[in-house]
PDB file of N, CA and C in Angstrom:
ATOM      1  N   MET A   1     -13.356  24.078  21.321  1.00  0.00           N
ATOM      2  CA  MET A   1     -12.294  23.108  21.143  1.00  0.00           C
ATOM      3  C   MET A   1     -11.170  23.762  20.339  1.00  0.00           C
ATOM      4  N   THR A   2      -9.962  23.625  20.838  1.00  0.00           N
ATOM      5  CA  THR A   2      -8.820  24.239  20.167  1.00  0.00           C
ATOM      6  C   THR A   2      -8.403  23.419  18.948  1.00  0.00           C
ATOM      7  N   ALA A   3      -7.576  24.008  18.124  1.00  0.00           N
ATOM      8  CA  ALA A   3      -7.075  23.307  16.935  1.00  0.00           C
ATOM      9  C   ALA A   3      -6.267  22.080  17.346  1.00  0.00           C
ATOM     10  N   TYR A   4      -5.528  22.218  18.449  1.00  0.00           N
ATOM     11  CA  TYR A   4      -4.731  21.081  18.949  1.00  0.00           C
ATOM     12  C   TYR A   4      -5.643  19.915  19.330  1.00  0.00           C
ATOM     13  N   GLU A   5      -6.717  20.203  20.053  1.00  0.00           N
ATOM     14  CA  GLU A   5      -7.645  19.149  20.469  1.00  0.00           C
ATOM     15  C   GLU A   5      -8.320  18.493  19.269  1.00  0.00           C
ATOM     16  N   GLN A   6      -8.657  19.285  18.263  1.00  0.00           N
ATOM     17  CA  GLN A   6      -9.262  18.732  17.047  1.00  0.00           C
ATOM     18  C   GLN A   6      -8.295  17.808  16.328  1.00  0.00           C
ATOM     19  N   GLU A   7      -7.041  18.233  16.223  1.00  0.00           N
ATOM     20  CA  GLU A   7      -6.038  17.407  15.545  1.00  0.00           C
ATOM     21  C   GLU A   7      -5.755  16.132  16.333  1.00  0.00           C
ATOM     22  N   LEU A   8      -5.716  16.231  17.645  1.00  0.00           N
ATOM     23  CA  LEU A   8      -5.501  15.062  18.487  1.00  0.00           C
ATOM     24  C   LEU A   8      -6.639  14.062  18.325  1.00  0.00           C
ATOM     25  N   ARG A   9      -7.861  14.555  18.288  1.00  0.00           N
ATOM     26  CA  ARG A   9      -9.017  13.673  18.088  1.00  0.00           C
ATOM     27  C   ARG A   9      -8.954  13.007  16.719  1.00  0.00           C
ATOM     28  N   ARG A  10      -8.575  13.776  15.684  1.00  0.00           N
ATOM     29  CA  ARG A  10      -8.469  13.209  14.334  1.00  0.00           C
ATOM     30  C   ARG A  10      -7.413  12.115  14.285  1.00  0.00           C
ATOM     31  N   CYS A  11      -6.284  12.355  14.945  1.00  0.00           N
ATOM     32  CA  CYS A  11      -5.206  11.356  14.971  1.00  0.00           C
ATOM     33  C   CYS A  11      -5.641  10.086  15.687  1.00  0.00           C
ATOM     34  N   LYS A  12      -6.392  10.227  16.775  1.00  0.00           N
ATOM     35  CA  LYS A  12      -6.903   9.061  17.494  1.00  0.00           C
ATOM     36  C   LYS A  12      -7.801   8.233  16.593  1.00  0.00           C
ATOM     37  N   VAL A  13      -8.685   8.915  15.868  1.00  0.00           N
ATOM     38  CA  VAL A  13      -9.614   8.207  14.987  1.00  0.00           C
ATOM     39  C   VAL A  13      -8.850   7.473  13.892  1.00  0.00           C
ATOM     40  N   VAL A  14      -7.868   8.128  13.295  1.00  0.00           N
ATOM     41  CA  VAL A  14      -7.083   7.501  12.224  1.00  0.00           C
ATOM     42  C   VAL A  14      -6.345   6.281  12.763  1.00  0.00           C
ATOM     43  N   LEU A  15      -5.729   6.410  13.928  1.00  0.00           N
ATOM     44  CA  LEU A  15      -4.991   5.296  14.527  1.00  0.00           C
ATOM     45  C   LEU A  15      -5.916   4.119  14.825  1.00  0.00           C
ATOM     46  N   LEU A  16      -7.041   4.389  15.452  1.00  0.00           N
ATOM     47  CA  LEU A  16      -7.961   3.314  15.813  1.00  0.00           C
ATOM     48  C   LEU A  16      -8.600   2.677  14.585  1.00  0.00           C
ATOM     49  N   LEU A  17      -8.916   3.483  13.599  1.00  0.00           N
ATOM     50  CA  LEU A  17      -9.497   2.956  12.367  1.00  0.00           C
ATOM     51  C   LEU A  17      -8.490   2.075  11.629  1.00  0.00           C
ATOM     52  N   ARG A  18      -7.236   2.514  11.569  1.00  0.00           N
ATOM     53  CA  ARG A  18      -6.192   1.717  10.917  1.00  0.00           C
ATOM     54  C   ARG A  18      -5.995   0.386  11.642  1.00  0.00           C
ATOM     55  N   ALA A  19      -6.051   0.421  12.973  1.00  0.00           N
ATOM     56  CA  ALA A  19      -5.919  -0.808  13.756  1.00  0.00           C
ATOM     57  C   ALA A  19      -7.074  -1.763  13.461  1.00  0.00           C
ATOM     58  N   CYS A  20      -8.287  -1.221  13.324  1.00  0.00           N
ATOM     59  CA  CYS A  20      -9.446  -2.063  13.000  1.00  0.00           C
ATOM     60  C   CYS A  20      -9.299  -2.708  11.626  1.00  0.00           C
ATOM     61  N   ILE A  21      -8.862  -1.944  10.666  1.00  0.00           N
ATOM     62  CA  ILE A  21      -8.682  -2.480   9.317  1.00  0.00           C
ATOM     63  C   ILE A  21      -7.589  -3.541   9.311  1.00  0.00           C
ATOM     64  N   ASP A  22      -6.484  -3.271  10.016  1.00  0.00           N
ATOM     65  CA  ASP A  22      -5.392  -4.245  10.093  1.00  0.00           C
ATOM     66  C   ASP A  22      -5.821  -5.532  10.787  1.00  0.00           C
ATOM     67  N   ALA A  23      -6.773  -5.423  11.724  1.00  0.00           N
ATOM     68  CA  ALA A  23      -7.267  -6.596  12.447  1.00  0.00           C
ATOM     69  C   ALA A  23      -8.414  -7.277  11.701  1.00  0.00           C
ATOM     70  N   GLY A  24      -8.656  -6.866  10.471  1.00  0.00           N
ATOM     71  CA  GLY A  24      -9.696  -7.498   9.661  1.00  0.00           C
ATOM     72  C   GLY A  24     -11.102  -7.172  10.115  1.00  0.00           C
ATOM     73  N   GLY A  25     -11.277  -6.017  10.768  1.00  0.00           N
ATOM     74  CA  GLY A  25     -12.594  -5.614  11.235  1.00  0.00           C
ATOM     75  C   GLY A  25     -12.906  -6.089  12.642  1.00  0.00           C
ATOM     76  N   ASN A  26     -11.995  -6.837  13.243  1.00  0.00           N
ATOM     77  CA  ASN A  26     -12.192  -7.337  14.605  1.00  0.00           C
ATOM     78  C   ASN A  26     -11.820  -6.233  15.594  1.00  0.00           C
ATOM     79  N   MET A  27     -12.842  -5.556  16.128  1.00  0.00           N
ATOM     80  CA  MET A  27     -12.590  -4.416  16.999  1.00  0.00           C
ATOM     81  C   MET A  27     -11.962  -4.818  18.325  1.00  0.00           C
ATOM     82  N   CYS A  28     -12.272  -6.002  18.827  1.00  0.00           N
ATOM     83  CA  CYS A  28     -11.664  -6.452  20.089  1.00  0.00           C
ATOM     84  C   CYS A  28     -10.165  -6.671  19.908  1.00  0.00           C
ATOM     85  N   ALA A  29      -9.778  -7.303  18.808  1.00  0.00           N
ATOM     86  CA  ALA A  29      -8.353  -7.521  18.536  1.00  0.00           C
ATOM     87  C   ALA A  29      -7.640  -6.202  18.298  1.00  0.00           C
ATOM     88  N   ALA A  30      -8.311  -5.283  17.616  1.00  0.00           N
ATOM     89  CA  ALA A  30      -7.717  -3.972  17.354  1.00  0.00           C
ATOM     90  C   ALA A  30      -7.521  -3.196  18.649  1.00  0.00           C
ATOM     91  N   ALA A  31      -8.495  -3.269  19.538  1.00  0.00           N
ATOM     92  CA  ALA A  31      -8.382  -2.582  20.822  1.00  0.00           C
ATOM     93  C   ALA A  31      -7.233  -3.149  21.634  1.00  0.00           C
ATOM     94  N   LYS A  32      -7.107  -4.458  21.619  1.00  0.00           N
ATOM     95  CA  LYS A  32      -6.024  -5.098  22.370  1.00  0.00           C
ATOM     96  C   LYS A  32      -4.664  -4.702  21.806  1.00  0.00           C
ATOM     97  N   SER A  33      -4.553  -4.608  20.488  1.00  0.00           N
ATOM     98  CA  SER A  33      -3.260  -4.272  19.873  1.00  0.00           C
ATOM     99  C   SER A  33      -2.856  -2.818  20.133  1.00  0.00           C
ATOM    100  N   THR A  34      -3.836  -1.941  20.358  1.00  0.00           N
ATOM    101  CA  THR A  34      -3.523  -0.534  20.611  1.00  0.00           C
ATOM    102  C   THR A  34      -3.467  -0.200  22.096  1.00  0.00           C
ATOM    103  N   GLY A  35      -3.915  -1.137  22.941  1.00  0.00           N
ATOM    104  CA  GLY A  35      -3.899  -0.888  24.374  1.00  0.00           C
ATOM    105  C   GLY A  35      -5.052  -0.036  24.856  1.00  0.00           C
ATOM    106  N   VAL A  36      -6.082   0.067  24.037  1.00  0.00           N
ATOM    107  CA  VAL A  36      -7.266   0.855  24.369  1.00  0.00           C
ATOM    108  C   VAL A  36      -8.390  -0.117  24.707  1.00  0.00           C
ATOM    109  N   HIS A  37      -9.200   0.208  25.698  1.00  0.00           N
ATOM    110  CA  HIS A  37     -10.340  -0.642  26.021  1.00  0.00           C
ATOM    111  C   HIS A  37     -11.301  -0.642  24.838  1.00  0.00           C
ATOM    112  N   ARG A  38     -11.912  -1.780  24.583  1.00  0.00           N
ATOM    113  CA  ARG A  38     -12.762  -1.893  23.384  1.00  0.00           C
ATOM    114  C   ARG A  38     -13.948  -0.935  23.427  1.00  0.00           C
ATOM    115  N   ASN A  39     -14.495  -0.672  24.613  1.00  0.00           N
ATOM    116  CA  ASN A  39     -15.610   0.277  24.693  1.00  0.00           C
ATOM    117  C   ASN A  39     -15.161   1.701  24.355  1.00  0.00           C
ATOM    118  N   THR A  40     -13.951   2.046  24.769  1.00  0.00           N
ATOM    119  CA  THR A  40     -13.408   3.361  24.433  1.00  0.00           C
ATOM    120  C   THR A  40     -13.216   3.473  22.929  1.00  0.00           C
ATOM    121  N   MET A  41     -12.683   2.399  22.329  1.00  0.00           N
ATOM    122  CA  MET A  41     -12.473   2.387  20.881  1.00  0.00           C
ATOM    123  C   MET A  41     -13.799   2.558  20.148  1.00  0.00           C
ATOM    124  N   ARG A  42     -14.786   1.817  20.549  1.00  0.00           N
ATOM    125  CA  ARG A  42     -16.094   1.908  19.892  1.00  0.00           C
ATOM    126  C   ARG A  42     -16.694   3.301  20.057  1.00  0.00           C
ATOM    127  N   ARG A  43     -16.562   3.873  21.243  1.00  0.00           N
ATOM    128  CA  ARG A  43     -17.117   5.199  21.514  1.00  0.00           C
ATOM    129  C   ARG A  43     -16.443   6.268  20.656  1.00  0.00           C
ATOM    130  N   VAL A  44     -15.108   6.221  20.563  1.00  0.00           N
ATOM    131  CA  VAL A  44     -14.364   7.210  19.771  1.00  0.00           C
ATOM    132  C   VAL A  44     -14.720   7.078  18.288  1.00  0.00           C
ATOM    133  N   LEU A  45     -14.748   5.842  17.798  1.00  0.00           N
ATOM    134  CA  LEU A  45     -15.061   5.639  16.374  1.00  0.00           C
ATOM    135  C   LEU A  45     -16.518   5.973  16.067  1.00  0.00           C
ATOM    136  N   ARG A  46     -17.422   5.637  16.969  1.00  0.00           N
ATOM    137  CA  ARG A  46     -18.830   5.958  16.736  1.00  0.00           C
ATOM    138  C   ARG A  46     -19.043   7.465  16.717  1.00  0.00           C
ATOM    139  N   ALA A  47     -18.349   8.189  17.589  1.00  0.00           N
ATOM    140  CA  ALA A  47     -18.469   9.654  17.623  1.00  0.00           C
ATOM    141  C   ALA A  47     -17.957  10.270  16.325  1.00  0.00           C
ATOM    142  N   ALA A  48     -17.002   9.582  15.663  1.00  0.00           N
ATOM    143  CA  ALA A  48     -16.459  10.071  14.397  1.00  0.00           C
ATOM    144  C   ALA A  48     -17.276   9.597  13.198  1.00  0.00           C
ATOM    145  N   GLY A  49     -18.336   8.822  13.451  1.00  0.00           N
ATOM    146  CA  GLY A  49     -19.207   8.384  12.360  1.00  0.00           C
ATOM    147  C   GLY A  49     -18.898   7.005  11.819  1.00  0.00           C
ATOM    148  N   TYR A  50     -18.090   6.233  12.532  1.00  0.00           N
ATOM    149  CA  TYR A  50     -17.737   4.883  12.090  1.00  0.00           C
ATOM    150  C   TYR A  50     -18.394   3.863  13.003  1.00  0.00           C
ATOM    151  N   ASP A  51     -19.408   3.168  12.487  1.00  0.00           N
ATOM    152  CA  ASP A  51     -19.989   2.074  13.251  1.00  0.00           C
ATOM    153  C   ASP A  51     -19.381   0.764  12.749  1.00  0.00           C
ATOM    154  N   SER A  52     -19.729  -0.335  13.380  1.00  0.00           N
ATOM    155  CA  SER A  52     -19.104  -1.613  13.031  1.00  0.00           C
ATOM    156  C   SER A  52     -19.380  -2.010  11.578  1.00  0.00           C
ATOM    157  N   ARG A  53     -20.545  -1.665  11.058  1.00  0.00           N
ATOM    158  CA  ARG A  53     -20.875  -2.007   9.665  1.00  0.00           C
ATOM    159  C   ARG A  53     -19.972  -1.244   8.698  1.00  0.00           C
ATOM    160  N   ARG A  54     -19.747   0.040   8.976  1.00  0.00           N
ATOM    161  CA  ARG A  54     -18.886   0.841   8.093  1.00  0.00           C
ATOM    162  C   ARG A  54     -17.436   0.369   8.163  1.00  0.00           C
ATOM    163  N   ILE A  55     -16.993  -0.025   9.340  1.00  0.00           N
ATOM    164  CA  ILE A  55     -15.617  -0.525   9.490  1.00  0.00           C
ATOM    165  C   ILE A  55     -15.452  -1.814   8.705  1.00  0.00           C
ATOM    166  N   LYS A  56     -16.450  -2.691   8.737  1.00  0.00           N
ATOM    167  CA  LYS A  56     -16.372  -3.941   7.966  1.00  0.00           C
ATOM    168  C   LYS A  56     -16.348  -3.653   6.470  1.00  0.00           C
ATOM    169  N   GLN A  57     -17.088  -2.633   6.021  1.00  0.00           N
ATOM    170  CA  GLN A  57     -17.050  -2.248   4.609  1.00  0.00           C
ATOM    171  C   GLN A  57     -15.664  -1.755   4.227  1.00  0.00           C
ATOM    172  N   LEU A  58     -15.066  -0.932   5.071  1.00  0.00           N
ATOM    173  CA  LEU A  58     -13.716  -0.433   4.794  1.00  0.00           C
ATOM    174  C   LEU A  58     -12.707  -1.572   4.761  1.00  0.00           C
ATOM    175  N   THR A  59     -12.876  -2.543   5.644  1.00  0.00           N
ATOM    176  CA  THR A  59     -11.983  -3.697   5.674  1.00  0.00           C
ATOM    177  C   THR A  59     -12.113  -4.498   4.388  1.00  0.00           C
ATOM    178  N   ALA A  60     -13.337  -4.699   3.921  1.00  0.00           N
ATOM    179  CA  ALA A  60     -13.562  -5.443   2.681  1.00  0.00           C
ATOM    180  C   ALA A  60     -12.963  -4.703   1.491  1.00  0.00           C
ATOM    181  N   GLU A  61     -13.108  -3.378   1.472  1.00  0.00           N
ATOM    182  CA  GLU A  61     -12.529  -2.591   0.380  1.00  0.00           C
ATOM    183  C   GLU A  61     -11.006  -2.695   0.388  1.00  0.00           C
ATOM    184  N   GLN A  62     -10.423  -2.696   1.568  1.00  0.00           N
ATOM    185  CA  GLN A  62      -8.961  -2.773   1.687  1.00  0.00           C
ATOM    186  C   GLN A  62      -8.454  -4.103   1.152  1.00  0.00           C
ATOM    187  N   LYS A  63      -9.206  -5.178   1.391  1.00  0.00           N
ATOM    188  CA  LYS A  63      -8.796  -6.501   0.916  1.00  0.00           C
ATOM    189  C   LYS A  63      -8.859  -6.586  -0.604  1.00  0.00           C
ATOM    190  N   ARG A  64      -9.803  -5.842  -1.217  1.00  0.00           N
ATOM    191  CA  ARG A  64      -9.954  -5.895  -2.673  1.00  0.00           C
ATOM    192  C   ARG A  64      -8.893  -5.093  -3.413  1.00  0.00           C
ATOM    193  N   LYS A  65      -8.285  -4.125  -2.728  1.00  0.00           N
ATOM    194  CA  LYS A  65      -7.277  -3.298  -3.402  1.00  0.00           C
ATOM    195  C   LYS A  65      -6.046  -4.144  -3.713  1.00  0.00           C
ATOM    196  N   PRO A  66      -5.539  -4.049  -4.938  1.00  0.00           N
ATOM    197  CA  PRO A  66      -4.327  -4.800  -5.265  1.00  0.00           C
ATOM    198  C   PRO A  66      -3.121  -4.178  -4.565  1.00  0.00           C
ATOM    199  N   ALA A  67      -2.225  -5.030  -4.152  1.00  0.00           N
ATOM    200  CA  ALA A  67      -1.005  -4.542  -3.502  1.00  0.00           C
ATOM    201  C   ALA A  67      -0.159  -3.816  -4.538  1.00  0.00           C
ATOM    202  N   MET A  68       0.392  -2.695  -4.152  1.00  0.00           N
ATOM    203  CA  MET A  68       1.215  -1.921  -5.074  1.00  0.00           C
ATOM    204  C   MET A  68       2.603  -2.552  -5.150  1.00  0.00           C
ATOM    205  N   ALA A  69       3.016  -2.847  -6.341  1.00  0.00           N
ATOM    206  CA  ALA A  69       4.344  -3.415  -6.535  1.00  0.00           C
ATOM    207  C   ALA A  69       5.359  -2.281  -6.576  1.00  0.00           C
ATOM    208  N   THR A  70       6.415  -2.452  -5.849  1.00  0.00           N
ATOM    209  CA  THR A  70       7.469  -1.445  -5.868  1.00  0.00           C
ATOM    210  C   THR A  70       8.702  -2.051  -6.498  1.00  0.00           C
ATOM    211  N   SER A  71       9.264  -1.327  -7.396  1.00  0.00           N
ATOM    212  CA  SER A  71      10.482  -1.784  -8.050  1.00  0.00           C
ATOM    213  C   SER A  71      11.650  -0.942  -7.556  1.00  0.00           C
ATOM    214  N   ALA A  72      12.833  -1.349  -7.927  1.00  0.00           N
ATOM    215  CA  ALA A  72      14.028  -0.598  -7.552  1.00  0.00           C
ATOM    216  C   ALA A  72      13.997   0.800  -8.156  1.00  0.00           C
ATOM    217  N   ALA A  73      13.454   0.910  -9.369  1.00  0.00           N
ATOM    218  CA  ALA A  73      13.383   2.223 -10.015  1.00  0.00           C
ATOM    219  C   ALA A  73      12.418   3.142  -9.261  1.00  0.00           C
ATOM    220  N   ASP A  74      11.286   2.601  -8.791  1.00  0.00           N
ATOM    221  CA  ASP A  74      10.347   3.401  -8.010  1.00  0.00           C
ATOM    222  C   ASP A  74      11.001   3.876  -6.716  1.00  0.00           C
ATOM    223  N   SER A  75      11.711   2.982  -6.058  1.00  0.00           N
ATOM    224  CA  SER A  75      12.371   3.347  -4.804  1.00  0.00           C
ATOM    225  C   SER A  75      13.408   4.426  -5.026  1.00  0.00           C
ATOM    226  N   ALA A  76      14.147   4.321  -6.132  1.00  0.00           N
ATOM    227  CA  ALA A  76      15.193   5.305  -6.434  1.00  0.00           C
ATOM    228  C   ALA A  76      14.575   6.671  -6.718  1.00  0.00           C
ATOM    229  N   ARG A  77      13.419   6.671  -7.427  1.00  0.00           N
ATOM    230  CA  ARG A  77      12.755   7.936  -7.727  1.00  0.00           C
ATOM    231  C   ARG A  77      12.266   8.618  -6.451  1.00  0.00           C
ATOM    232  N   ARG A  78      11.742   7.829  -5.516  1.00  0.00           N
ATOM    233  CA  ARG A  78      11.256   8.400  -4.268  1.00  0.00           C
ATOM    234  C   ARG A  78      12.406   8.944  -3.427  1.00  0.00           C
ATOM    235  N   ALA A  79      13.544   8.303  -3.481  1.00  0.00           N
ATOM    236  CA  ALA A  79      14.693   8.715  -2.684  1.00  0.00           C
ATOM    237  C   ALA A  79      15.318  10.002  -3.236  1.00  0.00           C
ATOM    238  N   ALA A  80      15.160  10.239  -4.543  1.00  0.00           N
ATOM    239  CA  ALA A  80      15.793  11.407  -5.164  1.00  0.00           C
ATOM    240  C   ALA A  80      15.082  12.695  -4.861  1.00  0.00           C
TER     241      ALA A  80
END
């Protein structure tokens, strides 16, 4: 497998995992939002080591994280 293929696979996993977390762990809704068949999504994530239980854990952890407050000063520092 070439470096390009490895990076492409990693990007697919990140995209699909982010969609699952955004959908609250609902893999069917995440698949629909990305335009990927749900079986394909499950197969790709399972091959990367993410089963439905682990995705639900990640979703729960994401909900517990406090939202980062951004102020005008923070935005100005990032822009500089």
